[in-house]
Amino acid sequence: MSAIQIVTLVTAIVGAVCGMCGAILGIINTCTQLSRNRVRLKVIPKRGYMVGGNTVITGVYADELSQQYSEQNVPSLWCIEVINL
């Protein structure tokens, strides 16, 4: 093998490795950009109970406080809690 063939082989191997690294980094960058632009919200349905004049107590429908208020026939309404993640 002559010196020119060795230089050509080394150049081809280095070029292939750099090309593969560039392709992998491009795919990672695309996935990162797609997830960054996505809206991420956490939506929690709740039940609000009117206690007192203008006081509203909210809670998840299955907790103990909600069960007590529903047994006492306290006026209630549905609420939605939205958290921006």
PDB file of N, CA and C in Angstrom:
ATOM      1  N   MET A   1       0.841  -1.160   0.000  1.00  0.00           N
ATOM      2  CA  MET A   1       0.000   0.000   0.000  1.00  0.00           C
ATOM      3  C   MET A   1       0.899   1.240   0.000  1.00  0.00           C
ATOM      4  N   SER A   2       0.605   2.162  -0.889  1.00  0.00           N
ATOM      5  CA  SER A   2       1.450   3.350  -0.997  1.00  0.00           C
ATOM      6  C   SER A   2       0.997   4.414   0.003  1.00  0.00           C
ATOM      7  N   ALA A   3       1.792   5.458   0.136  1.00  0.00           N
ATOM      8  CA  ALA A   3       1.508   6.525   1.093  1.00  0.00           C
ATOM      9  C   ALA A   3       0.221   7.262   0.721  1.00  0.00           C
ATOM     10  N   ILE A   4      -0.042   7.453  -0.551  1.00  0.00           N
ATOM     11  CA  ILE A   4      -1.256   8.154  -0.990  1.00  0.00           C
ATOM     12  C   ILE A   4      -2.493   7.340  -0.628  1.00  0.00           C
ATOM     13  N   GLN A   5      -2.429   6.036  -0.790  1.00  0.00           N
ATOM     14  CA  GLN A   5      -3.570   5.181  -0.439  1.00  0.00           C
ATOM     15  C   GLN A   5      -3.835   5.197   1.073  1.00  0.00           C
ATOM     16  N   ILE A   6      -2.779   5.222   1.883  1.00  0.00           N
ATOM     17  CA  ILE A   6      -2.942   5.277   3.330  1.00  0.00           C
ATOM     18  C   ILE A   6      -3.584   6.604   3.745  1.00  0.00           C
ATOM     19  N   VAL A   7      -3.121   7.717   3.174  1.00  0.00           N
ATOM     20  CA  VAL A   7      -3.686   9.032   3.479  1.00  0.00           C
ATOM     21  C   VAL A   7      -5.152   9.075   3.052  1.00  0.00           C
ATOM     22  N   THR A   8      -5.471   8.518   1.916  1.00  0.00           N
ATOM     23  CA  THR A   8      -6.855   8.491   1.432  1.00  0.00           C
ATOM     24  C   THR A   8      -7.734   7.644   2.349  1.00  0.00           C
ATOM     25  N   LEU A   9      -7.238   6.505   2.789  1.00  0.00           N
ATOM     26  CA  LEU A   9      -7.992   5.639   3.688  1.00  0.00           C
ATOM     27  C   LEU A   9      -8.243   6.329   5.032  1.00  0.00           C
ATOM     28  N   VAL A  10      -7.227   6.965   5.612  1.00  0.00           N
ATOM     29  CA  VAL A  10      -7.374   7.665   6.892  1.00  0.00           C
ATOM     30  C   VAL A  10      -8.367   8.819   6.743  1.00  0.00           C
ATOM     31  N   THR A  11      -8.268   9.556   5.648  1.00  0.00           N
ATOM     32  CA  THR A  11      -9.189  10.666   5.400  1.00  0.00           C
ATOM     33  C   THR A  11     -10.622  10.155   5.272  1.00  0.00           C
ATOM     34  N   ALA A  12     -10.832   9.050   4.609  1.00  0.00           N
ATOM     35  CA  ALA A  12     -12.170   8.479   4.454  1.00  0.00           C
ATOM     36  C   ALA A  12     -12.732   8.016   5.799  1.00  0.00           C
ATOM     37  N   ILE A  13     -11.904   7.399   6.613  1.00  0.00           N
ATOM     38  CA  ILE A  13     -12.363   6.934   7.930  1.00  0.00           C
ATOM     39  C   ILE A  13     -12.723   8.131   8.822  1.00  0.00           C
ATOM     40  N   VAL A  14     -11.886   9.161   8.863  1.00  0.00           N
ATOM     41  CA  VAL A  14     -12.160  10.357   9.668  1.00  0.00           C
ATOM     42  C   VAL A  14     -13.434  11.040   9.172  1.00  0.00           C
ATOM     43  N   GLY A  15     -13.605  11.132   7.868  1.00  0.00           N
ATOM     44  CA  GLY A  15     -14.813  11.745   7.297  1.00  0.00           C
ATOM     45  C   GLY A  15     -16.067  10.959   7.643  1.00  0.00           C
ATOM     46  N   ALA A  16     -15.990   9.631   7.616  1.00  0.00           N
ATOM     47  CA  ALA A  16     -17.147   8.801   7.954  1.00  0.00           C
ATOM     48  C   ALA A  16     -17.526   8.954   9.430  1.00  0.00           C
ATOM     49  N   VAL A  17     -16.517   8.982  10.301  1.00  0.00           N
ATOM     50  CA  VAL A  17     -16.786   9.143  11.740  1.00  0.00           C
ATOM     51  C   VAL A  17     -17.402  10.515  12.013  1.00  0.00           C
ATOM     52  N   CYS A  18     -16.847  11.564  11.426  1.00  0.00           N
ATOM     53  CA  CYS A  18     -17.403  12.915  11.624  1.00  0.00           C
ATOM     54  C   CYS A  18     -18.814  13.012  11.046  1.00  0.00           C
ATOM     55  N   GLY A  19     -19.075  12.381   9.925  1.00  0.00           N
ATOM     56  CA  GLY A  19     -20.414  12.394   9.336  1.00  0.00           C
ATOM     57  C   GLY A  19     -21.434  11.689  10.211  1.00  0.00           C
ATOM     58  N   MET A  20     -21.049  10.555  10.792  1.00  0.00           N
ATOM     59  CA  MET A  20     -21.956   9.835  11.693  1.00  0.00           C
ATOM     60  C   MET A  20     -22.246  10.657  12.954  1.00  0.00           C
ATOM     61  N   CYS A  21     -21.215  11.275  13.524  1.00  0.00           N
ATOM     62  CA  CYS A  21     -21.422  12.117  14.714  1.00  0.00           C
ATOM     63  C   CYS A  21     -22.343  13.286  14.389  1.00  0.00           C
ATOM     64  N   GLY A  22     -22.176  13.918  13.240  1.00  0.00           N
ATOM     65  CA  GLY A  22     -23.024  15.023  12.829  1.00  0.00           C
ATOM     66  C   GLY A  22     -24.470  14.591  12.649  1.00  0.00           C
ATOM     67  N   ALA A  23     -24.688  13.416  12.072  1.00  0.00           N
ATOM     68  CA  ALA A  23     -26.049  12.906  11.879  1.00  0.00           C
ATOM     69  C   ALA A  23     -26.723  12.627  13.220  1.00  0.00           C
ATOM     70  N   ILE A  24     -25.990  12.022  14.147  1.00  0.00           N
ATOM     71  CA  ILE A  24     -26.555  11.730  15.470  1.00  0.00           C
ATOM     72  C   ILE A  24     -26.891  13.016  16.206  1.00  0.00           C
ATOM     73  N   LEU A  25     -26.001  14.015  16.163  1.00  0.00           N
ATOM     74  CA  LEU A  25     -26.266  15.295  16.819  1.00  0.00           C
ATOM     75  C   LEU A  25     -27.445  16.023  16.178  1.00  0.00           C
ATOM     76  N   GLY A  26     -27.610  15.893  14.878  1.00  0.00           N
ATOM     77  CA  GLY A  26     -28.752  16.501  14.191  1.00  0.00           C
ATOM     78  C   GLY A  26     -30.072  15.882  14.634  1.00  0.00           C
ATOM     79  N   ILE A  27     -30.103  14.574  14.805  1.00  0.00           N
ATOM     80  CA  ILE A  27     -31.323  13.892  15.270  1.00  0.00           C
ATOM     81  C   ILE A  27     -31.638  14.306  16.704  1.00  0.00           C
ATOM     82  N   ILE A  28     -30.635  14.374  17.565  1.00  0.00           N
ATOM     83  CA  ILE A  28     -30.850  14.796  18.952  1.00  0.00           C
ATOM     84  C   ILE A  28     -31.366  16.237  18.993  1.00  0.00           C
ATOM     85  N   ASN A  29     -30.809  17.116  18.188  1.00  0.00           N
ATOM     86  CA  ASN A  29     -31.238  18.511  18.144  1.00  0.00           C
ATOM     87  C   ASN A  29     -32.689  18.619  17.667  1.00  0.00           C
ATOM     88  N   THR A  30     -33.080  17.832  16.676  1.00  0.00           N
ATOM     89  CA  THR A  30     -34.456  17.855  16.185  1.00  0.00           C
ATOM     90  C   THR A  30     -35.427  17.406  17.274  1.00  0.00           C
ATOM     91  N   CYS A  31     -35.103  16.350  17.988  1.00  0.00           N
ATOM     92  CA  CYS A  31     -35.972  15.870  19.075  1.00  0.00           C
ATOM     93  C   CYS A  31     -36.088  16.909  20.179  1.00  0.00           C
ATOM     94  N   THR A  32     -34.994  17.581  20.514  1.00  0.00           N
ATOM     95  CA  THR A  32     -35.012  18.610  21.545  1.00  0.00           C
ATOM     96  C   THR A  32     -35.889  19.787  21.126  1.00  0.00           C
ATOM     97  N   GLN A  33     -35.775  20.218  19.881  1.00  0.00           N
ATOM     98  CA  GLN A  33     -36.572  21.348  19.402  1.00  0.00           C
ATOM     99  C   GLN A  33     -38.059  21.010  19.359  1.00  0.00           C
ATOM    100  N   LEU A  34     -38.398  19.787  18.984  1.00  0.00           N
ATOM    101  CA  LEU A  34     -39.801  19.398  18.947  1.00  0.00           C
ATOM    102  C   LEU A  34     -40.406  19.350  20.340  1.00  0.00           C
ATOM    103  N   SER A  35     -39.667  18.866  21.332  1.00  0.00           N
ATOM    104  CA  SER A  35     -40.206  18.794  22.682  1.00  0.00           C
ATOM    105  C   SER A  35     -40.235  20.167  23.352  1.00  0.00           C
ATOM    106  N   ARG A  36     -39.376  21.070  22.964  1.00  0.00           N
ATOM    107  CA  ARG A  36     -39.348  22.405  23.550  1.00  0.00           C
ATOM    108  C   ARG A  36     -40.565  23.222  23.127  1.00  0.00           C
ATOM    109  N   ASN A  37     -41.042  23.050  21.922  1.00  0.00           N
ATOM    110  CA  ASN A  37     -42.162  23.835  21.410  1.00  0.00           C
ATOM    111  C   ASN A  37     -43.515  23.271  21.819  1.00  0.00           C
ATOM    112  N   ARG A  38     -43.556  22.143  22.476  1.00  0.00           N
ATOM    113  CA  ARG A  38     -44.802  21.512  22.870  1.00  0.00           C
ATOM    114  C   ARG A  38     -45.335  22.150  24.148  1.00  0.00           C
ATOM    115  N   VAL A  39     -46.644  22.356  24.193  1.00  0.00           N
ATOM    116  CA  VAL A  39     -47.278  22.881  25.396  1.00  0.00           C
ATOM    117  C   VAL A  39     -47.507  21.718  26.350  1.00  0.00           C
ATOM    118  N   ARG A  40     -47.031  21.866  27.582  1.00  0.00           N
ATOM    119  CA  ARG A  40     -47.182  20.811  28.570  1.00  0.00           C
ATOM    120  C   ARG A  40     -48.030  21.333  29.724  1.00  0.00           C
ATOM    121  N   LEU A  41     -49.207  20.775  29.863  1.00  0.00           N
ATOM    122  CA  LEU A  41     -50.138  21.187  30.906  1.00  0.00           C
ATOM    123  C   LEU A  41     -50.574  19.978  31.719  1.00  0.00           C
ATOM    124  N   LYS A  42     -50.818  20.216  32.989  1.00  0.00           N
ATOM    125  CA  LYS A  42     -51.389  19.186  33.850  1.00  0.00           C
ATOM    126  C   LYS A  42     -52.770  19.680  34.254  1.00  0.00           C
ATOM    127  N   VAL A  43     -53.804  18.934  33.890  1.00  0.00           N
ATOM    128  CA  VAL A  43     -55.184  19.325  34.160  1.00  0.00           C
ATOM    129  C   VAL A  43     -55.748  18.415  35.242  1.00  0.00           C
ATOM    130  N   ILE A  44     -56.270  19.035  36.321  1.00  0.00           N
ATOM    131  CA  ILE A  44     -56.806  18.272  37.447  1.00  0.00           C
ATOM    132  C   ILE A  44     -58.249  18.715  37.684  1.00  0.00           C
ATOM    133  N   PRO A  45     -59.220  17.817  37.477  1.00  0.00           N
ATOM    134  CA  PRO A  45     -60.602  18.179  37.799  1.00  0.00           C
ATOM    135  C   PRO A  45     -60.810  18.175  39.310  1.00  0.00           C
ATOM    136  N   LYS A  46     -61.508  19.195  39.805  1.00  0.00           N
ATOM    137  CA  LYS A  46     -61.748  19.315  41.240  1.00  0.00           C
ATOM    138  C   LYS A  46     -63.199  19.667  41.479  1.00  0.00           C
ATOM    139  N   ARG A  47     -63.585  19.577  42.721  1.00  0.00           N
ATOM    140  CA  ARG A  47     -64.934  19.928  43.142  1.00  0.00           C
ATOM    141  C   ARG A  47     -64.818  21.086  44.129  1.00  0.00           C
ATOM    142  N   GLY A  48     -65.586  22.161  43.915  1.00  0.00           N
ATOM    143  CA  GLY A  48     -65.567  23.310  44.798  1.00  0.00           C
ATOM    144  C   GLY A  48     -66.827  23.349  45.643  1.00  0.00           C
ATOM    145  N   TYR A  49     -66.691  23.650  46.914  1.00  0.00           N
ATOM    146  CA  TYR A  49     -67.833  23.686  47.831  1.00  0.00           C
ATOM    147  C   TYR A  49     -67.980  25.095  48.386  1.00  0.00           C
ATOM    148  N   MET A  50     -69.201  25.626  48.326  1.00  0.00           N
ATOM    149  CA  MET A  50     -69.506  26.971  48.788  1.00  0.00           C
ATOM    150  C   MET A  50     -69.724  26.927  50.302  1.00  0.00           C
ATOM    151  N   VAL A  51     -68.738  27.345  51.061  1.00  0.00           N
ATOM    152  CA  VAL A  51     -68.865  27.392  52.515  1.00  0.00           C
ATOM    153  C   VAL A  51     -68.788  28.857  52.915  1.00  0.00           C
ATOM    154  N   GLY A  52     -69.744  29.329  53.616  1.00  0.00           N
ATOM    155  CA  GLY A  52     -69.776  30.735  53.999  1.00  0.00           C
ATOM    156  C   GLY A  52     -70.299  31.590  52.855  1.00  0.00           C
ATOM    157  N   GLY A  53     -70.062  32.904  52.949  1.00  0.00           N
ATOM    158  CA  GLY A  53     -70.581  33.840  51.953  1.00  0.00           C
ATOM    159  C   GLY A  53     -69.953  33.672  50.579  1.00  0.00           C
ATOM    160  N   ASN A  54     -68.711  34.092  50.424  1.00  0.00           N
ATOM    161  CA  ASN A  54     -68.014  34.012  49.136  1.00  0.00           C
ATOM    162  C   ASN A  54     -66.818  33.075  49.203  1.00  0.00           C
ATOM    163  N   THR A  55     -66.791  32.179  50.138  1.00  0.00           N
ATOM    164  CA  THR A  55     -65.651  31.282  50.324  1.00  0.00           C
ATOM    165  C   THR A  55     -65.901  29.970  49.599  1.00  0.00           C
ATOM    166  N   VAL A  56     -64.932  29.578  48.797  1.00  0.00           N
ATOM    167  CA  VAL A  56     -65.003  28.312  48.064  1.00  0.00           C
ATOM    168  C   VAL A  56     -63.811  27.467  48.476  1.00  0.00           C
ATOM    169  N   ILE A  57     -64.074  26.235  48.864  1.00  0.00           N
ATOM    170  CA  ILE A  57     -63.017  25.285  49.189  1.00  0.00           C
ATOM    171  C   ILE A  57     -62.996  24.251  48.072  1.00  0.00           C
ATOM    172  N   THR A  58     -61.821  24.042  47.477  1.00  0.00           N
ATOM    173  CA  THR A  58     -61.712  23.073  46.389  1.00  0.00           C
ATOM    174  C   THR A  58     -60.932  21.863  46.859  1.00  0.00           C
ATOM    175  N   GLY A  59     -61.207  20.741  46.266  1.00  0.00           N
ATOM    176  CA  GLY A  59     -60.499  19.508  46.576  1.00  0.00           C
ATOM    177  C   GLY A  59     -60.751  18.474  45.499  1.00  0.00           C
ATOM    178  N   VAL A  60     -59.919  17.493  45.468  1.00  0.00           N
ATOM    179  CA  VAL A  60     -60.111  16.382  44.552  1.00  0.00           C
ATOM    180  C   VAL A  60     -61.362  15.638  44.979  1.00  0.00           C
ATOM    181  N   TYR A  61     -62.126  15.179  43.996  1.00  0.00           N
ATOM    182  CA  TYR A  61     -63.453  14.638  44.275  1.00  0.00           C
ATOM    183  C   TYR A  61     -63.420  13.444  45.230  1.00  0.00           C
ATOM    184  N   ALA A  62     -62.321  12.707  45.280  1.00  0.00           N
ATOM    185  CA  ALA A  62     -62.295  11.474  46.076  1.00  0.00           C
ATOM    186  C   ALA A  62     -61.739  11.663  47.491  1.00  0.00           C
ATOM    187  N   ASP A  63     -61.347  12.877  47.878  1.00  0.00           N
ATOM    188  CA  ASP A  63     -60.760  13.002  49.214  1.00  0.00           C
ATOM    189  C   ASP A  63     -61.843  13.074  50.292  1.00  0.00           C
ATOM    190  N   GLU A  64     -61.412  12.990  51.539  1.00  0.00           N
ATOM    191  CA  GLU A  64     -62.346  12.898  52.667  1.00  0.00           C
ATOM    192  C   GLU A  64     -63.177  14.167  52.841  1.00  0.00           C
ATOM    193  N   LEU A  65     -62.555  15.323  52.666  1.00  0.00           N
ATOM    194  CA  LEU A  65     -63.271  16.583  52.828  1.00  0.00           C
ATOM    195  C   LEU A  65     -64.415  16.697  51.822  1.00  0.00           C
ATOM    196  N   SER A  66     -64.159  16.286  50.590  1.00  0.00           N
ATOM    197  CA  SER A  66     -65.204  16.328  49.563  1.00  0.00           C
ATOM    198  C   SER A  66     -66.343  15.377  49.917  1.00  0.00           C
ATOM    199  N   GLN A  67     -66.031  14.227  50.453  1.00  0.00           N
ATOM    200  CA  GLN A  67     -67.081  13.282  50.834  1.00  0.00           C
ATOM    201  C   GLN A  67     -67.918  13.839  51.986  1.00  0.00           C
ATOM    202  N   GLN A  68     -67.282  14.514  52.942  1.00  0.00           N
ATOM    203  CA  GLN A  68     -68.028  15.098  54.057  1.00  0.00           C
ATOM    204  C   GLN A  68     -68.973  16.195  53.569  1.00  0.00           C
ATOM    205  N   TYR A  69     -68.484  17.078  52.701  1.00  0.00           N
ATOM    206  CA  TYR A  69     -69.324  18.159  52.205  1.00  0.00           C
ATOM    207  C   TYR A  69     -70.472  17.636  51.335  1.00  0.00           C
ATOM    208  N   SER A  70     -70.211  16.610  50.545  1.00  0.00           N
ATOM    209  CA  SER A  70     -71.291  16.076  49.714  1.00  0.00           C
ATOM    210  C   SER A  70     -72.346  15.370  50.570  1.00  0.00           C
ATOM    211  N   GLU A  71     -71.940  14.750  51.681  1.00  0.00           N
ATOM    212  CA  GLU A  71     -72.912  14.131  52.588  1.00  0.00           C
ATOM    213  C   GLU A  71     -73.754  15.184  53.303  1.00  0.00           C
ATOM    214  N   GLN A  72     -73.200  16.379  53.535  1.00  0.00           N
ATOM    215  CA  GLN A  72     -73.923  17.457  54.210  1.00  0.00           C
ATOM    216  C   GLN A  72     -74.732  18.311  53.226  1.00  0.00           C
ATOM    217  N   ASN A  73     -74.724  17.946  51.936  1.00  0.00           N
ATOM    218  CA  ASN A  73     -75.445  18.662  50.876  1.00  0.00           C
ATOM    219  C   ASN A  73     -75.039  20.138  50.778  1.00  0.00           C
ATOM    220  N   VAL A  74     -73.745  20.403  50.898  1.00  0.00           N
ATOM    221  CA  VAL A  74     -73.214  21.754  50.718  1.00  0.00           C
ATOM    222  C   VAL A  74     -73.239  22.059  49.222  1.00  0.00           C
ATOM    223  N   PRO A  75     -73.681  23.272  48.798  1.00  0.00           N
ATOM    224  CA  PRO A  75     -73.697  23.604  47.370  1.00  0.00           C
ATOM    225  C   PRO A  75     -72.296  23.464  46.771  1.00  0.00           C
ATOM    226  N   SER A  76     -72.230  22.872  45.597  1.00  0.00           N
ATOM    227  CA  SER A  76     -70.920  22.607  45.006  1.00  0.00           C
ATOM    228  C   SER A  76     -70.924  22.968  43.525  1.00  0.00           C
ATOM    229  N   LEU A  77     -69.731  23.030  42.965  1.00  0.00           N
ATOM    230  CA  LEU A  77     -69.538  23.283  41.543  1.00  0.00           C
ATOM    231  C   LEU A  77     -68.255  22.585  41.102  1.00  0.00           C
ATOM    232  N   TRP A  78     -68.157  22.364  39.780  1.00  0.00           N
ATOM    233  CA  TRP A  78     -66.964  21.724  39.247  1.00  0.00           C
ATOM    234  C   TRP A  78     -65.910  22.774  38.958  1.00  0.00           C
ATOM    235  N   CYS A  79     -64.656  22.466  39.238  1.00  0.00           N
ATOM    236  CA  CYS A  79     -63.533  23.356  38.993  1.00  0.00           C
ATOM    237  C   CYS A  79     -62.467  22.581  38.206  1.00  0.00           C
ATOM    238  N   ILE A  80     -61.610  23.331  37.523  1.00  0.00           N
ATOM    239  CA  ILE A  80     -60.495  22.722  36.808  1.00  0.00           C
ATOM    240  C   ILE A  80     -59.226  23.471  37.203  1.00  0.00           C
ATOM    241  N   GLU A  81     -58.230  22.731  37.655  1.00  0.00           N
ATOM    242  CA  GLU A  81     -56.925  23.314  37.965  1.00  0.00           C
ATOM    243  C   GLU A  81     -55.987  22.967  36.828  1.00  0.00           C
ATOM    244  N   VAL A  82     -55.340  23.989  36.264  1.00  0.00           N
ATOM    245  CA  VAL A  82     -54.411  23.793  35.155  1.00  0.00           C
ATOM    246  C   VAL A  82     -53.039  24.285  35.603  1.00  0.00           C
ATOM    247  N   ILE A  83     -52.042  23.405  35.508  1.00  0.00           N
ATOM    248  CA  ILE A  83     -50.673  23.737  35.902  1.00  0.00           C
ATOM    249  C   ILE A  83     -49.799  23.709  34.652  1.00  0.00           C
ATOM    250  N   ASN A  84     -49.090  24.805  34.407  1.00  0.00           N
ATOM    251  CA  ASN A  84     -48.166  24.879  33.271  1.00  0.00           C
ATOM    252  C   ASN A  84     -46.843  24.257  33.702  1.00  0.00           C
ATOM    253  N   LEU A  85     -46.505  23.122  33.116  1.00  0.00           N
ATOM    254  CA  LEU A  85     -45.284  22.430  33.481  1.00  0.00           C
ATOM    255  C   LEU A  85     -44.087  23.062  32.803  1.00  0.00           C
TER     256      LEU A  85
END
